[in-house]
Every structure is written in C-alpha cells, then in structure tokens.
Amino acid sequence: MFYSKNDIEYLDRFLQVLDEEQIKKLFSARVIIFGVGGVGSALAQFLVRSGIQNLDLVDFDRIDITNLNRQLLAFRSNVGQIKVEVLKKQLLDINPNLRIDIYPIKLSEDNIDKFSLNKYDIILDCIDDVKAKKILIKYAYENNIYIISAMGAGKRYLEYPQFEISDIKKTLYDPLAKVIRKFCSSERINKLDVCYTKQKASEIDCQNILSVVYYPVNMATVICAKVINKLIAKN
C-alpha cells in the first residue's frame, strides 16, 4: 500500500468506492489553480476534500471586505491578507500532508515559464483577467497540457445555477465565452474545455459586477467533478 490509512481517514467515505489503481491515480496527480477568487477558492477546497494530494495555487490578490459574500476563503479576520497564503493554511487544516506550493504573483507572458506547467496533469483556469486567461489557454494548448477554463459566473442571481463542461465552440449567452471563442479561432486553438452556463447574464446596470455565492460555488462543484472523474478514469 502506497499510503497510510491513518493519513487518509478523512477520505474514507469516498475511497471505499475506488480501487487501488484509481486511488493511486488520484493521489499522484498534480493540479494547479490560477485564480483563487469565488470559483477558485471553492474549487481548491473541493479538490482537497475529494482526495487531491498535490495542489498548487496562483493569485496575486489580497482578501477584500467585498469578497465575503462569495469567496469561501474570506472572513473578516483575514481581510487584507494574501489570498493564496490564507487558502494554503485552510487547506492544510483539511489535509496536513497536502503537498502545496503557492505563487502570490500575477500571471504574464514574462513569468509563465516559471511555473513549469508540463509537470501538471491538469491546469485549472479561474482567472478573471481576460489577458492573463488568454496567455494561459494558449500556453496549455501549445504544450499539450489539459486545461479547464472557467467562464462567467457573475451577473446572475435568478433561478438555480446550471453549469456544464463543454467545448468552447458550443457555448452560448456568455460574453466572456464569446471573447474566448474569438481568441481560440484566431489562434487556431481547436479544442478547449470550459465550464459555463447557458443562463443569460442579468442586464441590471450596477457599479460592480453582480455576484452571489451560489453561482461561483456551483461552477466549482462542476469543475471538481470533471477533474476527479478524469483523473480516476480507467484506460
């Protein structure tokens, strides 16, 4: 056995349904999340609670008081702190044996090689910044690294959230997806898995982007399910 049962007791209710081969795939996988805001912070927690043992985080931002309504890492006690530092501490409180590196920097063309992305099984793009999103998507495609890119979760609050994983070419009613579709076409990127919803964004005019916790968190659950099932799939 390649793991100690005492170390993974917290996963017992999930690992009972997996065989040794699937557990080994899950435990050996390496995943990196870019952006730990509303989607990314929830996704990181879900992945660790689902058995991911190697998880790295990238985000330059600090926790703001306005993050409390939708970002699971945010509490009044940590406002002003660096997000990836806070989230690392929280994740180690779930699994003290988690192997985790954090990068409190902003992704750019100048530093993308710093991350040695070829060592990861999956890249998870939860970035808000469109320019950085494009850089990451293009790099992953050119280096044949599997990536899932999160599309829009803001500007929605009506109805029940309904997210799915689909190829970028099949997306509808999502302004961000429209921008990324055009980018992929211009760069001849013929395949990109994204998480999106067909639910139309609200046209309410407000100063900041409308956001409520149940939309980004539901997006995170769908991405997590895709990641776990892809990693444990039998050849």
Protein backbone atom coordinates (compact mmCIF):
# COMPACT_ATOMS: atom_id res chain seq x y z
CA MET A 1 0.00 0.00 0.00
CA PHE A 2 1.44 3.38 -1.03
CA TYR A 3 -0.35 5.41 1.66
CA SER A 4 -1.12 5.22 5.35
CA LYS A 5 -4.76 4.65 6.26
CA ASN A 6 -4.32 6.94 9.26
CA ASP A 7 -3.37 9.78 6.93
CA ILE A 8 -6.44 9.49 4.73
CA GLU A 9 -9.14 8.60 7.25
CA TYR A 10 -10.94 11.83 6.33
CA LEU A 11 -11.46 10.44 2.80
CA ASP A 12 -12.88 7.10 3.91
CA ARG A 13 -16.42 7.69 2.64
CA PHE A 14 -15.13 8.34 -0.88
CA LEU A 15 -12.17 5.97 -1.16
CA GLN A 16 -14.35 2.95 -0.27
CA VAL A 17 -15.79 3.06 -3.80
CA LEU A 18 -12.39 3.28 -5.53
CA ASP A 19 -9.92 0.51 -6.27
CA GLU A 20 -6.18 0.73 -5.64
CA GLU A 21 -5.43 1.81 -9.20
CA GLN A 22 -7.90 4.69 -9.01
CA ILE A 23 -6.62 5.81 -5.62
CA LYS A 24 -3.05 5.79 -6.91
CA LYS A 25 -4.05 7.93 -9.90
CA LEU A 26 -5.86 10.37 -7.64
CA PHE A 27 -3.06 10.64 -5.09
CA SER A 28 -0.27 11.01 -7.66
CA ALA A 29 -2.00 13.66 -9.79
CA ARG A 30 -0.68 17.21 -9.83
CA VAL A 31 -3.13 20.08 -10.27
CA ILE A 32 -2.62 23.83 -10.37
CA ILE A 33 -5.28 26.54 -9.98
CA PHE A 34 -4.79 30.01 -11.39
CA GLY A 35 -7.08 32.46 -9.58
CA VAL A 36 -8.49 31.71 -6.12
CA GLY A 37 -11.47 34.04 -6.01
CA GLY A 38 -15.12 32.98 -5.98
CA VAL A 39 -14.63 29.91 -8.16
CA GLY A 40 -11.00 29.08 -7.43
CA SER A 41 -11.12 29.20 -3.63
CA ALA A 42 -14.14 26.89 -3.51
CA LEU A 43 -12.62 24.60 -6.13
CA ALA A 44 -9.40 24.24 -4.13
CA GLN A 45 -11.33 23.16 -1.04
CA PHE A 46 -13.48 20.71 -3.01
CA LEU A 47 -10.44 19.11 -4.66
CA VAL A 48 -8.62 18.61 -1.37
CA ARG A 49 -11.77 17.19 0.24
CA SER A 50 -12.01 14.82 -2.76
CA GLY A 51 -8.52 13.37 -2.37
CA ILE A 52 -6.17 15.59 -4.37
CA GLN A 53 -2.78 15.41 -2.63
CA ASN A 54 -0.72 17.74 -4.87
CA LEU A 55 -2.23 21.15 -5.46
CA ASP A 56 -0.58 24.47 -6.29
CA LEU A 57 -2.19 27.92 -6.25
CA VAL A 58 -1.50 31.14 -8.15
CA ASP A 59 -3.06 34.51 -7.28
CA PHE A 60 -1.52 37.91 -6.58
CA ASP A 61 -4.56 39.41 -4.84
CA ARG A 62 -5.43 40.13 -1.22
CA ILE A 63 -8.75 39.48 0.52
CA ASP A 64 -11.13 42.42 0.41
CA ILE A 65 -14.24 43.03 2.53
CA THR A 66 -16.37 42.69 -0.62
CA ASN A 67 -15.11 39.10 -1.07
CA LEU A 68 -17.06 37.87 1.97
CA ASN A 69 -20.29 37.43 0.03
CA ARG A 70 -18.95 34.77 -2.36
CA GLN A 71 -15.35 33.64 -1.69
CA LEU A 72 -15.16 30.71 0.73
CA LEU A 73 -11.66 31.61 1.92
CA ALA A 74 -12.75 35.09 3.06
CA PHE A 75 -13.56 36.01 6.67
CA ARG A 76 -13.46 39.34 8.48
CA SER A 77 -10.45 38.09 10.41
CA ASN A 78 -8.32 37.76 7.25
CA VAL A 79 -9.30 40.85 5.24
CA GLY A 80 -6.14 42.37 3.78
CA GLN A 81 -4.17 39.12 3.78
CA ILE A 82 -2.75 37.45 0.66
CA LYS A 83 -5.31 35.01 -0.70
CA VAL A 84 -3.01 32.11 -1.54
CA GLU A 85 -1.36 32.28 1.90
CA VAL A 86 -4.74 32.19 3.64
CA LEU A 87 -6.05 29.39 1.43
CA LYS A 88 -2.91 27.28 1.91
CA LYS A 89 -3.38 27.43 5.67
CA GLN A 90 -7.03 26.43 5.35
CA LEU A 91 -6.25 23.52 3.02
CA LEU A 92 -3.53 22.17 5.31
CA ASP A 93 -6.12 22.21 8.10
CA ILE A 94 -8.10 19.74 5.98
CA ASN A 95 -5.11 17.60 4.96
CA PRO A 96 -1.86 18.31 6.85
CA ASN A 97 0.01 16.09 4.37
CA LEU A 98 -1.09 18.09 1.33
CA ARG A 99 1.83 18.98 -0.94
CA ILE A 100 1.18 22.57 -1.90
CA ASP A 101 3.15 25.44 -3.39
CA ILE A 102 1.76 28.96 -3.65
CA TYR A 103 2.64 31.79 -6.02
CA PRO A 104 1.40 35.26 -4.94
CA ILE A 105 2.14 36.75 -8.35
CA LYS A 106 0.20 37.86 -11.40
CA LEU A 107 0.47 35.62 -14.46
CA SER A 108 2.06 37.20 -17.52
CA GLU A 109 3.89 36.21 -20.67
CA ASP A 110 7.14 37.08 -18.89
CA ASN A 111 6.67 34.67 -15.96
CA ILE A 112 4.56 31.78 -17.28
CA ASP A 113 7.63 29.57 -17.75
CA LYS A 114 8.32 29.97 -14.01
CA PHE A 115 5.52 27.52 -13.22
CA SER A 116 6.92 24.55 -15.19
CA LEU A 117 3.38 23.70 -16.25
CA ASN A 118 4.36 20.50 -18.05
CA LYS A 119 4.63 18.75 -14.68
CA TYR A 120 0.88 19.12 -14.05
CA ASP A 121 -1.85 16.71 -15.11
CA ILE A 122 -4.49 19.44 -15.16
CA ILE A 123 -4.43 23.24 -15.24
CA LEU A 124 -7.50 24.98 -13.85
CA ASP A 125 -8.09 28.49 -15.12
CA CYS A 126 -10.22 30.51 -12.72
CA ILE A 127 -8.70 33.86 -13.69
CA ASP A 128 -10.85 36.98 -14.04
CA ASP A 129 -8.37 38.94 -16.13
CA VAL A 130 -9.01 38.24 -19.82
CA LYS A 131 -5.44 38.94 -20.94
CA ALA A 132 -3.97 36.50 -18.42
CA LYS A 133 -6.66 33.96 -19.30
CA LYS A 134 -5.64 34.06 -22.95
CA ILE A 135 -1.96 33.66 -22.09
CA LEU A 136 -2.68 30.55 -20.00
CA ILE A 137 -5.05 28.96 -22.53
CA LYS A 138 -2.60 29.44 -25.39
CA TYR A 139 0.32 28.07 -23.39
CA ALA A 140 -1.62 24.98 -22.33
CA TYR A 141 -2.72 24.28 -25.90
CA GLU A 142 0.73 24.74 -27.40
CA ASN A 143 2.27 22.45 -24.77
CA ASN A 144 -0.49 19.82 -24.88
CA ILE A 145 -1.49 20.23 -21.22
CA TYR A 146 -5.11 19.58 -20.31
CA ILE A 147 -6.87 22.72 -19.09
CA ILE A 148 -10.38 23.59 -17.94
CA SER A 149 -11.24 27.26 -18.20
CA ALA A 150 -13.97 28.88 -16.10
CA MET A 151 -16.27 31.23 -17.98
CA GLY A 152 -18.71 33.74 -16.47
CA ALA A 153 -20.33 33.14 -13.07
CA GLY A 154 -21.15 36.76 -12.31
CA LYS A 155 -24.13 38.90 -13.31
CA ARG A 156 -26.50 36.07 -12.40
CA TYR A 157 -28.69 35.50 -9.36
CA LEU A 158 -32.07 34.29 -10.64
CA GLU A 159 -33.03 30.61 -10.95
CA TYR A 160 -30.96 27.60 -9.93
CA PRO A 161 -27.38 27.56 -11.25
CA GLN A 162 -26.92 25.18 -14.19
CA PHE A 163 -23.29 24.75 -15.23
CA GLU A 164 -21.73 22.23 -17.59
CA ILE A 165 -18.38 21.33 -19.13
CA SER A 166 -18.35 21.83 -22.88
CA ASP A 167 -16.06 22.72 -25.73
CA ILE A 168 -15.70 26.48 -26.15
CA LYS A 169 -17.26 26.32 -29.63
CA LYS A 170 -20.57 25.14 -28.15
CA THR A 171 -21.01 27.93 -25.59
CA LEU A 172 -23.99 30.30 -25.66
CA TYR A 173 -25.15 33.50 -23.92
CA ASP A 174 -21.81 34.13 -22.19
CA PRO A 175 -19.99 37.39 -23.02
CA LEU A 176 -16.66 36.05 -21.69
CA ALA A 177 -17.01 32.83 -23.66
CA LYS A 178 -17.66 34.91 -26.78
CA VAL A 179 -14.33 36.69 -26.30
CA ILE A 180 -12.50 33.40 -25.69
CA ARG A 181 -14.18 31.74 -28.70
CA LYS A 182 -12.92 34.53 -30.93
CA PHE A 183 -9.45 34.26 -29.40
CA CYS A 184 -9.32 30.49 -29.90
CA SER A 185 -10.39 30.89 -33.51
CA SER A 186 -7.70 33.48 -34.20
CA GLU A 187 -5.02 31.35 -32.53
CA ARG A 188 -6.26 28.14 -34.19
CA ILE A 189 -6.96 26.52 -30.84
CA ASN A 190 -9.42 23.85 -31.94
CA LYS A 191 -10.26 22.38 -28.53
CA LEU A 192 -10.83 23.95 -25.12
CA ASP A 193 -12.94 22.55 -22.29
CA VAL A 194 -14.76 25.28 -20.40
CA CYS A 195 -17.26 25.41 -17.57
CA TYR A 196 -20.16 27.70 -18.40
CA THR A 197 -23.89 28.20 -18.11
CA LYS A 198 -26.48 28.80 -20.80
CA GLN A 199 -28.34 31.01 -18.33
CA LYS A 200 -28.26 34.57 -19.60
CA ALA A 201 -26.48 37.23 -17.59
CA SER A 202 -28.54 39.93 -15.92
CA GLU A 203 -28.78 43.27 -17.71
CA ILE A 204 -29.05 45.16 -14.43
CA ASP A 205 -26.72 48.17 -14.52
CA CYS A 206 -24.64 48.37 -11.35
CA GLN A 207 -21.25 49.82 -10.49
CA ASN A 208 -19.51 46.47 -9.98
CA ILE A 209 -20.13 43.03 -11.45
CA LEU A 210 -23.13 41.44 -9.73
CA SER A 211 -22.11 38.27 -7.89
CA VAL A 212 -23.76 35.94 -5.39
CA VAL A 213 -22.20 32.92 -3.72
CA TYR A 214 -24.33 30.14 -5.20
CA TYR A 215 -23.22 30.75 -8.79
CA PRO A 216 -19.39 30.60 -8.49
CA VAL A 217 -19.58 27.81 -5.91
CA ASN A 218 -21.80 25.71 -8.17
CA MET A 219 -19.36 26.27 -11.02
CA ALA A 220 -16.60 25.00 -8.74
CA THR A 221 -18.50 21.80 -7.95
CA VAL A 222 -18.93 21.01 -11.65
CA ILE A 223 -15.24 21.59 -12.40
CA CYS A 224 -14.25 19.47 -9.38
CA ALA A 225 -16.44 16.59 -10.57
CA LYS A 226 -14.85 16.76 -14.03
CA VAL A 227 -11.32 16.78 -12.58
CA ILE A 228 -11.85 13.85 -10.21
CA ASN A 229 -13.61 11.68 -12.76
CA LYS A 230 -10.99 12.42 -15.42
CA LEU A 231 -8.14 11.53 -13.07
CA ILE A 232 -9.59 8.22 -11.86
CA ALA A 233 -10.90 7.10 -15.27
CA LYS A 234 -9.70 3.66 -16.28
CA ASN A 235 -7.88 3.39 -19.58
